[in-house]
Amino acid sequence: MAISPRKLRNDVYSYTYQNDSNTPLVISVLASLIERTLVRNERTGRKCGSTMSKTGSKIRVFDCYERPDMSILSYLERIFKYTKAGPSVYVVAYVYIDRFCRSQPEFRITAWNVHRLLITTIMVASKYVEDMNYRNSYFARVGGITTKEMNKLELDFLFLMNFKMHVNVSVFESYCCHLEREVSIGGGYHIEKTLRCAEELKFLQVDERGYNQIA
């Protein structure tokens, strides 16, 4: 079933929890992309004569002892349901995931680390994008880990990334285009550039506050 660009634009630009009951499309797009990356890494591991398990990478900060049985899409939907992080947060989280994989060439996304990687990057992205956020302890409960683990994952991730968390508008736009190409070739999808929209809204709010003060 085709999804119109207008529907996706509406999700990213004006999604509200009061008026919308469906999960934003960007979440299913990200889940599909991560899932295909996971399958590709497992296939590469088999070709190299090794299994893509938790012992297959030198970077094990995100590894868990038991392989979670929740799908990536279900996990992202759970995070969205309970944290109410806006659609742009998931685009920024994808930027962080890509940066991390590029900065750590030996790291591979596997079934053993993907869930913790997602909850960590989404929490950090939420702190970067959103004005108000839940505590780490709340993200930990949503992600199914302890607060101590959540704090350690965040700290380790920030240091491994050298605290390079800034995402400007042009970078955000380029990753939106990448998500579009990866998931919807010929499908007519279009993920809008919400950081620019957010910046414009902030300027309007500042102007409005200034006007009210003068009045």
Protein backbone atom coordinates (compact mmCIF):
# COMPACT_ATOMS: atom_id res chain seq x y z
CA MET A 1 0.00 0.00 0.00
CA ALA A 2 1.48 3.34 -1.07
CA ILE A 3 2.02 6.03 1.54
CA SER A 4 1.61 9.59 0.37
CA PRO A 5 4.38 12.15 0.96
CA ARG A 6 1.78 14.40 2.54
CA LYS A 7 1.13 11.87 5.31
CA LEU A 8 4.82 11.61 6.10
CA ARG A 9 5.23 15.39 6.03
CA ASN A 10 2.35 15.74 8.43
CA ASP A 11 3.88 13.18 10.79
CA VAL A 12 7.22 14.94 11.00
CA TYR A 13 6.06 18.54 10.95
CA SER A 14 2.90 18.49 13.00
CA TYR A 15 2.62 15.16 14.80
CA THR A 16 0.79 15.58 18.11
CA TYR A 17 0.02 12.91 20.63
CA GLN A 18 -3.39 14.40 21.27
CA ASN A 19 -4.58 14.22 17.66
CA ASP A 20 -2.56 11.34 16.17
CA SER A 21 -2.87 7.72 17.21
CA ASN A 22 -0.56 6.10 14.65
CA THR A 23 3.18 5.75 15.08
CA PRO A 24 5.17 8.21 12.89
CA LEU A 25 6.40 6.64 9.68
CA VAL A 26 10.02 7.56 10.38
CA ILE A 27 10.09 4.89 13.09
CA SER A 28 9.18 2.08 10.70
CA VAL A 29 11.67 3.49 8.20
CA LEU A 30 14.47 3.43 10.78
CA ALA A 31 13.48 -0.04 11.99
CA SER A 32 13.60 -1.38 8.44
CA LEU A 33 17.02 0.14 7.81
CA ILE A 34 18.52 -1.17 11.07
CA GLU A 35 17.00 -4.61 10.47
CA ARG A 36 18.58 -4.83 7.02
CA THR A 37 21.91 -3.70 8.43
CA LEU A 38 21.66 -6.42 11.06
CA VAL A 39 20.88 -9.11 8.47
CA ARG A 40 23.72 -7.90 6.25
CA ASN A 41 26.19 -8.04 9.12
CA GLU A 42 25.10 -11.57 10.03
CA ARG A 43 25.46 -12.66 6.41
CA THR A 44 28.93 -11.12 6.24
CA GLY A 45 29.89 -12.91 9.43
CA ARG A 46 28.84 -16.27 8.02
CA LYS A 47 30.81 -15.67 4.84
CA CYS A 48 33.88 -14.89 6.91
CA GLY A 49 33.49 -18.16 8.74
CA SER A 50 32.39 -16.67 12.04
CA THR A 51 29.04 -16.02 13.65
CA MET A 52 27.99 -12.48 14.38
CA SER A 53 27.58 -13.02 18.09
CA LYS A 54 28.40 -10.89 21.09
CA THR A 55 32.00 -12.10 20.83
CA GLY A 56 32.39 -10.95 17.25
CA SER A 57 33.40 -7.38 17.99
CA LYS A 58 36.06 -5.71 20.09
CA ILE A 59 33.56 -3.00 21.05
CA ARG A 60 31.27 -4.77 23.50
CA VAL A 61 29.86 -1.83 25.44
CA PHE A 62 26.34 -2.49 24.15
CA ASP A 63 26.40 -6.30 24.37
CA CYS A 64 23.87 -8.07 26.58
CA TYR A 65 24.07 -11.53 28.12
CA GLU A 66 20.82 -12.78 26.61
CA ARG A 67 19.58 -12.09 23.11
CA PRO A 68 16.35 -10.04 23.35
CA ASP A 69 13.34 -11.59 21.62
CA MET A 70 11.64 -8.26 20.84
CA SER A 71 11.83 -7.11 17.22
CA ILE A 72 13.52 -3.83 16.38
CA LEU A 73 10.24 -2.28 15.24
CA SER A 74 8.43 -3.33 18.41
CA TYR A 75 11.27 -1.97 20.51
CA LEU A 76 11.23 1.38 18.73
CA GLU A 77 7.44 1.55 19.03
CA ARG A 78 7.74 0.88 22.76
CA ILE A 79 10.31 3.67 23.15
CA PHE A 80 8.10 6.05 21.21
CA LYS A 81 4.99 5.14 23.17
CA TYR A 82 6.50 5.73 26.59
CA THR A 83 9.05 8.50 25.97
CA LYS A 84 7.01 10.54 23.46
CA ALA A 85 10.24 11.57 21.72
CA GLY A 86 9.46 13.53 18.56
CA PRO A 87 10.07 12.06 15.07
CA SER A 88 13.20 14.16 14.54
CA VAL A 89 14.82 12.45 17.54
CA TYR A 90 14.93 9.18 15.61
CA VAL A 91 16.64 10.81 12.65
CA VAL A 92 19.29 12.30 14.94
CA ALA A 93 19.67 8.91 16.66
CA TYR A 94 20.37 7.40 13.25
CA VAL A 95 23.05 10.07 12.69
CA TYR A 96 24.68 9.02 15.96
CA ILE A 97 24.53 5.32 15.07
CA ASP A 98 26.20 5.98 11.73
CA ARG A 99 28.86 8.19 13.30
CA PHE A 100 29.57 5.56 15.92
CA CYS A 101 29.94 2.80 13.33
CA ARG A 102 32.26 4.98 11.28
CA SER A 103 34.40 5.96 14.24
CA GLN A 104 34.59 2.35 15.47
CA PRO A 105 35.28 0.24 12.33
CA GLU A 106 35.52 -2.97 14.34
CA PHE A 107 31.99 -2.51 15.70
CA ARG A 108 29.12 -4.38 14.03
CA ILE A 109 25.43 -4.11 14.83
CA THR A 110 24.22 -7.52 15.98
CA ALA A 111 21.20 -9.01 17.69
CA TRP A 112 23.20 -8.87 20.92
CA ASN A 113 23.79 -5.11 20.92
CA VAL A 114 21.16 -3.45 18.71
CA HIS A 115 18.57 -2.84 21.45
CA ARG A 116 20.97 -1.17 23.85
CA LEU A 117 22.49 0.82 21.03
CA LEU A 118 19.05 2.11 20.09
CA ILE A 119 17.91 3.10 23.59
CA THR A 120 21.23 4.86 24.21
CA THR A 121 21.31 6.83 20.97
CA ILE A 122 17.63 7.76 21.23
CA MET A 123 18.08 9.00 24.80
CA VAL A 124 21.12 11.08 23.85
CA ALA A 125 19.35 12.39 20.73
CA SER A 126 16.32 13.31 22.81
CA LYS A 127 18.52 15.35 25.12
CA TYR A 128 19.97 17.12 22.09
CA VAL A 129 16.70 17.82 20.25
CA GLU A 130 14.01 18.13 22.91
CA ASP A 131 13.67 20.93 25.44
CA MET A 132 12.26 18.61 28.11
CA ASN A 133 13.30 15.02 28.76
CA TYR A 134 12.74 12.13 31.10
CA ARG A 135 15.42 11.03 33.52
CA ASN A 136 17.89 8.28 32.66
CA SER A 137 16.09 6.03 35.13
CA TYR A 138 12.89 6.33 33.10
CA PHE A 139 14.64 5.56 29.80
CA ALA A 140 16.22 2.58 31.55
CA ARG A 141 12.80 1.18 32.52
CA VAL A 142 11.50 1.71 29.01
CA GLY A 143 14.57 0.02 27.53
CA GLY A 144 14.44 -2.91 29.93
CA ILE A 145 17.76 -2.27 31.68
CA THR A 146 18.85 -0.92 35.04
CA THR A 147 19.56 2.74 35.71
CA LYS A 148 23.20 1.88 36.43
CA GLU A 149 23.50 0.21 33.03
CA MET A 150 21.80 3.14 31.32
CA ASN A 151 24.16 5.65 32.91
CA LYS A 152 27.19 3.58 31.94
CA LEU A 153 25.99 3.11 28.36
CA GLU A 154 25.48 6.85 27.97
CA LEU A 155 28.86 7.73 29.41
CA ASP A 156 30.75 5.12 27.39
CA PHE A 157 28.96 6.16 24.22
CA LEU A 158 29.76 9.84 24.72
CA PHE A 159 33.45 9.16 25.30
CA LEU A 160 33.69 6.76 22.35
CA MET A 161 32.09 9.49 20.22
CA ASN A 162 34.43 12.14 21.67
CA PHE A 163 31.26 14.07 22.56
CA LYS A 164 30.60 14.91 18.90
CA MET A 165 26.84 15.24 19.29
CA HIS A 166 26.14 18.36 17.24
CA VAL A 167 23.92 17.82 14.19
CA ASN A 168 23.37 20.86 12.01
CA VAL A 169 20.51 21.33 9.57
CA SER A 170 22.43 20.26 6.48
CA VAL A 171 23.59 17.03 8.13
CA PHE A 172 20.06 16.34 9.31
CA GLU A 173 18.76 16.88 5.77
CA SER A 174 21.36 14.55 4.27
CA TYR A 175 20.36 11.74 6.61
CA CYS A 176 16.71 12.31 5.83
CA CYS A 177 17.58 11.85 2.15
CA HIS A 178 19.55 8.72 2.98
CA LEU A 179 16.61 7.21 4.83
CA GLU A 180 14.44 8.06 1.87
CA ARG A 181 16.77 6.35 -0.61
CA GLU A 182 17.32 3.27 1.54
CA VAL A 183 13.74 2.47 2.33
CA SER A 184 11.53 3.99 -0.31
CA ILE A 185 13.20 3.72 -3.70
CA GLY A 186 10.42 4.67 -6.05
CA GLY A 187 7.95 4.79 -3.19
CA GLY A 188 7.44 8.52 -3.00
CA TYR A 189 8.38 8.84 0.66
CA HIS A 190 9.82 12.10 1.91
CA ILE A 191 11.13 12.74 5.41
CA GLU A 192 10.93 16.44 6.10
CA LYS A 193 13.65 18.55 7.68
CA THR A 194 12.30 19.20 11.16
CA LEU A 195 15.40 20.80 12.64
CA ARG A 196 15.00 23.76 10.32
CA CYS A 197 11.32 23.90 11.18
CA ALA A 198 12.18 23.76 14.89
CA GLU A 199 14.68 26.58 14.52
CA GLU A 200 12.11 28.71 12.73
CA LEU A 201 9.56 28.02 15.45
CA LYS A 202 12.06 29.02 18.12
CA PHE A 203 12.73 32.31 16.33
CA LEU A 204 8.99 32.93 16.10
CA GLN A 205 8.56 32.19 19.80
CA VAL A 206 11.40 34.56 20.70
CA ASP A 207 9.88 37.29 18.54
CA GLU A 208 6.47 36.70 20.07
CA ARG A 209 7.84 36.89 23.63
CA GLY A 210 9.65 40.10 22.74
CA TYR A 211 6.48 41.56 21.27
CA ASN A 212 4.45 40.61 24.37
CA GLN A 213 7.03 42.21 26.65
CA ILE A 214 6.93 45.43 24.64
CA ALA A 215 3.13 45.37 24.64
